[in-house]
Protein backbone atom coordinates (compact mmCIF):
# COMPACT_ATOMS: atom_id res chain seq x y z
CA MET A 1 99.69 110.65 92.14
CA ARG A 2 98.42 111.02 88.40
CA GLN A 3 97.14 114.91 88.08
CA ALA A 4 95.69 116.10 84.69
CA VAL A 5 97.30 119.31 84.22
CA ASP A 6 95.72 121.59 81.31
CA ASN A 7 97.41 124.94 81.69
CA ASP A 8 101.07 124.21 81.04
CA ALA A 9 102.73 127.41 79.73
CA VAL A 10 104.60 124.99 77.28
CA PRO A 11 102.80 121.99 75.32
CA TYR A 12 103.48 118.97 77.08
CA ALA A 13 103.91 117.22 73.73
CA THR A 14 106.64 119.63 72.58
CA THR A 15 108.47 119.36 76.62
CA LEU A 16 108.08 115.65 76.23
CA ASP A 17 109.63 115.64 72.64
CA SER A 18 112.73 117.50 74.05
CA ALA A 19 113.03 115.20 76.72
CA VAL A 20 112.84 112.07 74.48
CA ALA A 21 115.69 113.67 71.75
CA ARG A 22 118.13 114.03 74.87
CA SER A 23 117.37 110.23 76.43
CA ALA A 24 118.50 107.18 75.01
CA LEU A 25 115.08 106.66 73.45
CA GLY A 26 116.03 109.39 70.77
CA ARG A 27 118.28 106.93 69.02
CA LEU A 28 115.29 104.23 68.67
CA PRO A 29 114.04 103.38 65.11
CA ARG A 30 111.02 105.96 64.19
CA PRO A 31 108.54 103.28 64.02
CA ALA A 32 109.43 101.78 67.61
CA LEU A 33 109.28 105.31 69.18
CA ALA A 34 106.26 106.08 67.70
CA ARG A 35 104.72 102.89 69.06
CA LEU A 36 106.24 103.88 72.58
CA LEU A 37 104.99 107.33 72.34
CA GLU A 38 101.45 106.40 71.17
CA ARG A 39 101.07 104.04 74.04
CA GLY A 40 102.62 106.13 76.61
CA VAL A 41 101.24 107.71 79.78
CA ARG A 42 102.15 110.85 81.84
CA LEU A 43 102.37 110.59 85.08
CA ASP A 44 102.68 113.42 87.42
CA ALA A 45 103.69 113.31 90.97
CA LYS A 46 104.29 116.11 93.64
CA ALA A 47 107.31 116.19 95.78
CA ARG A 48 108.42 113.48 98.28
CA THR A 49 105.83 111.12 96.55
CA VAL A 50 107.18 107.92 96.26
CA LEU A 51 106.77 106.55 92.57
CA TYR A 52 107.85 102.78 93.32
CA ARG A 53 108.92 101.18 96.11
CA GLU A 54 110.88 97.54 96.24
CA GLY A 55 109.36 94.96 94.94
CA ASP A 56 106.69 96.75 92.95
CA ARG A 57 106.05 96.18 89.39
CA PRO A 58 108.77 97.15 87.32
CA ILE A 59 108.38 100.44 85.88
CA PHE A 60 109.83 101.91 82.33
CA GLY A 61 109.91 105.20 81.28
CA VAL A 62 111.68 108.67 80.66
CA LEU A 63 111.65 111.58 82.93
CA VAL A 64 109.96 114.84 81.60
CA GLN A 65 110.40 117.27 84.42
CA GLY A 66 111.74 117.68 87.82
CA THR A 67 114.36 115.53 89.63
CA LEU A 68 114.03 111.63 91.44
CA ARG A 69 116.06 110.11 93.79
CA VAL A 70 116.59 106.02 93.30
CA TYR A 71 117.32 104.89 96.76
CA ALA A 72 117.91 101.56 98.58
CA THR A 73 116.44 101.15 102.04
CA ALA A 74 117.80 98.99 105.04
CA ASP A 75 115.81 97.14 107.33
CA ASP A 76 116.36 99.83 110.35
CA GLY A 77 115.14 102.28 107.85
CA ARG A 78 118.38 104.24 107.09
CA GLU A 79 118.32 105.21 103.13
CA PHE A 80 121.18 105.24 100.76
CA THR A 81 120.64 107.13 97.65
CA ILE A 82 121.92 105.62 94.53
CA PHE A 83 121.44 108.29 91.65
CA TRP A 84 119.42 111.04 90.72
CA ALA A 85 117.34 111.14 87.62
CA HIS A 86 116.84 114.16 85.46
CA PRO A 87 115.11 115.25 82.50
CA GLY A 88 116.00 113.01 79.73
CA ASP A 89 117.06 110.34 82.01
CA VAL A 90 115.22 106.91 81.30
CA ILE A 91 114.38 104.73 84.23
CA GLY A 92 113.78 101.11 83.91
CA PRO A 93 116.03 99.60 81.33
CA ASP A 94 117.60 97.18 83.84
CA LEU A 95 114.42 96.08 85.01
CA ILE A 96 113.14 94.91 81.43
CA VAL A 97 114.90 91.50 81.81
CA GLY A 98 115.57 91.41 85.60
CA GLY A 99 112.19 92.15 86.79
CA PRO A 100 111.69 94.09 90.33
CA VAL A 101 115.03 95.25 92.34
CA ASP A 102 115.18 96.45 96.00
CA LEU A 103 115.15 100.12 95.21
CA CYS A 104 112.54 102.83 95.52
CA ALA A 105 112.45 106.36 93.55
CA GLN A 106 110.89 109.51 95.24
CA ALA A 107 110.62 112.91 93.69
CA VAL A 108 112.50 115.62 94.84
CA SER A 109 110.75 118.49 93.14
CA ASP A 110 107.18 118.14 91.31
CA VAL A 111 108.17 115.75 88.51
CA THR A 112 106.53 114.49 85.17
CA PHE A 113 107.54 110.94 84.40
CA HIS A 114 106.15 109.48 81.15
CA VAL A 115 105.62 105.61 81.38
CA PHE A 116 105.42 103.19 78.49
CA PRO A 117 103.92 99.51 78.84
CA MET A 118 107.07 97.28 79.95
CA GLU A 119 105.44 94.34 77.65
CA LEU A 120 105.34 96.81 74.67
CA VAL A 121 109.12 97.86 75.57
CA THR A 122 110.17 94.00 75.87
CA SER A 123 108.44 93.35 72.63
CA LEU A 124 110.19 95.73 70.60
CA ALA A 125 113.79 94.63 72.13
CA ARG A 126 113.04 91.01 70.99
CA ALA A 127 111.99 91.60 67.67
CA ASP A 128 114.19 94.52 66.41
CA THR A 129 118.52 94.29 67.56
CA VAL A 130 118.80 98.18 67.07
CA VAL A 131 115.87 98.46 69.93
CA ALA A 132 117.36 95.88 72.02
CA TRP A 133 121.32 97.30 71.70
CA VAL A 134 119.76 100.87 72.44
CA LEU A 135 118.66 99.67 75.49
CA LEU A 136 121.76 97.78 76.05
CA GLU A 137 123.53 100.67 75.89
CA GLN A 138 121.47 102.88 78.32
CA ILE A 139 121.96 99.89 80.92
CA SER A 140 125.77 100.09 80.41
CA GLN A 141 125.47 104.02 80.84
CA ARG A 142 123.36 102.89 83.89
CA VAL A 143 126.39 100.88 85.59
CA ARG A 144 129.00 103.04 84.85
CA GLN A 145 126.97 105.95 86.53
CA ALA A 146 126.38 103.87 89.63
CA VAL A 147 130.42 102.62 89.91
CA GLY A 148 131.11 106.61 89.68
CA PHE A 149 128.55 107.82 92.43
CA ILE A 150 130.18 104.75 94.49
CA ARG A 151 133.34 106.22 93.87
CA MET A 152 131.88 109.68 94.58
CA LEU A 153 130.43 108.50 97.52
CA ALA A 154 133.72 106.91 98.91
CA PHE A 155 135.83 110.16 97.98
CA MET A 156 133.17 112.91 98.65
CA ASP A 157 134.37 116.09 100.48
CA LEU A 158 132.40 116.82 103.80
CA ARG A 159 129.76 119.08 102.57
CA GLU A 160 128.70 116.63 99.57
CA ARG A 161 128.32 114.52 102.58
CA ILE A 162 126.25 116.60 104.91
CA ALA A 163 124.15 117.50 101.62
CA GLN A 164 123.30 113.49 101.26
CA ARG A 165 122.43 113.22 104.61
CA LEU A 166 120.51 115.87 105.03
CA VAL A 167 118.33 115.48 101.74
CA GLU A 168 117.84 111.45 102.82
CA ILE A 169 116.52 112.52 106.59
CA ALA A 170 114.56 115.20 105.44
CA PHE A 171 112.85 113.86 102.45
CA HIS A 172 110.77 111.46 105.53
CA GLN A 173 108.63 114.50 106.28
CA PRO A 174 105.10 114.33 104.74
CA ALA A 175 104.47 115.83 101.42
CA GLY A 176 103.21 119.66 102.02
CA THR A 177 105.41 119.99 105.02
CA ALA A 178 108.57 121.69 105.56
CA LEU A 179 111.96 119.86 104.59
CA VAL A 180 113.24 119.41 108.47
CA ALA A 181 116.09 116.97 108.97
CA ALA A 182 115.32 116.57 112.69
CA LEU A 183 118.88 115.92 113.85
CA THR A 184 121.56 117.77 115.94
CA GLN A 185 124.59 119.12 114.83
CA ARG A 186 126.43 116.24 116.95
CA GLU A 187 124.11 113.36 115.23
CA LEU A 188 125.22 115.08 111.68
CA ALA A 189 128.71 114.84 112.67
CA ASP A 190 128.36 110.80 113.60
CA LEU A 191 126.70 110.48 110.41
CA VAL A 192 128.98 112.02 108.53
CA GLY A 193 132.05 110.59 110.06
CA SER A 194 133.76 114.29 110.91
CA PRO A 195 134.26 116.67 113.74
CA ARG A 196 131.34 118.14 115.11
CA THR A 197 133.28 122.03 114.69
CA SER A 198 134.32 121.02 110.67
CA VAL A 199 130.54 119.94 110.28
CA ALA A 200 129.50 123.36 112.13
CA ARG A 201 131.47 125.73 109.31
CA VAL A 202 129.94 123.78 106.66
CA LEU A 203 126.26 124.18 107.71
CA ALA A 204 127.37 127.82 108.31
CA ASP A 205 128.44 128.25 104.83
CA LEU A 206 124.95 126.47 103.76
CA ARG A 207 122.94 129.04 105.93
CA ALA A 208 124.62 132.00 104.31
CA GLU A 209 123.84 130.70 101.11
CA GLY A 210 120.50 130.38 102.02
CA VAL A 211 120.43 126.45 101.81
CA ILE A 212 119.13 125.90 104.97
CA ARG A 213 118.40 127.39 108.14
CA THR A 214 117.79 126.36 111.60
CA VAL A 215 114.59 125.72 112.97
CA PRO A 216 113.83 124.25 116.80
CA ARG A 217 113.07 120.84 114.94
CA GLY A 218 116.77 120.71 113.67
CA ILE A 219 117.77 121.65 110.20
CA GLU A 220 115.36 122.77 107.42
CA ILE A 221 116.07 122.67 103.63
CA VAL A 222 115.31 125.70 102.03
CA ARG A 223 116.26 125.06 98.57
CA ALA A 224 116.71 121.32 98.08
CA GLU A 225 117.97 121.68 94.58
CA ARG A 226 121.35 123.01 95.68
CA LEU A 227 121.82 120.26 97.66
CA VAL A 228 121.30 117.69 94.55
CA PRO A 229 124.43 116.77 92.78
CA VAL A 230 124.07 118.42 89.08
CA PRO A 231 124.42 116.28 86.35
CA ARG A 232 127.77 116.53 84.04
CA VAL A 233 127.57 117.27 80.59
CA PRO A 234 129.30 114.74 78.73
CA VAL A 235 132.32 115.81 76.75
CA ALA A 236 131.85 115.68 72.88
């Protein structure tokens, strides 16, 4: 999962600084942020790599490039995406005190994630109330994001429900293979709770847009990024 990449078009330090500046970490006191950056480690992962699984040791870091999905799994293997992470998103502030949670994180595209030692983050938060407050704000934002995502799932339109299911099913395929959701239109209609004719119309639109195509094994996702919710830009 870890890979050294030396031929970046843009120096990694510049890309990292940009991601940190967009993130909650950019509000940390300079000495604390400098210590984190000094101890941080770059982690590169290919698309469909699972960065952590349920019960793994807590991880804390900032997403520098790519997209992650954070999801829960059921006993029967079904998955439910809790939220999507984009560059500048901080992962793990909610794990500082509570420890591991029953969630997994998987790379949707090739990603770069900068990981910081959890013990250092804990130490800084205990020693500096400003650090603790910034992390608390980030946790509060994550709670609001989760609530918003639950509302979206409860009230999302058919196209969004179909996109959600296709991504969840297709990402079971091994890395390096085509993203194929192995199911029929009828099975997909049952999963999203809609008539097959309505599902067929949405799939036809997605095919016309070049997002998916029909293959013998099911539905292949050609442009996964078009099925991932786009982060909203906060209103100033």
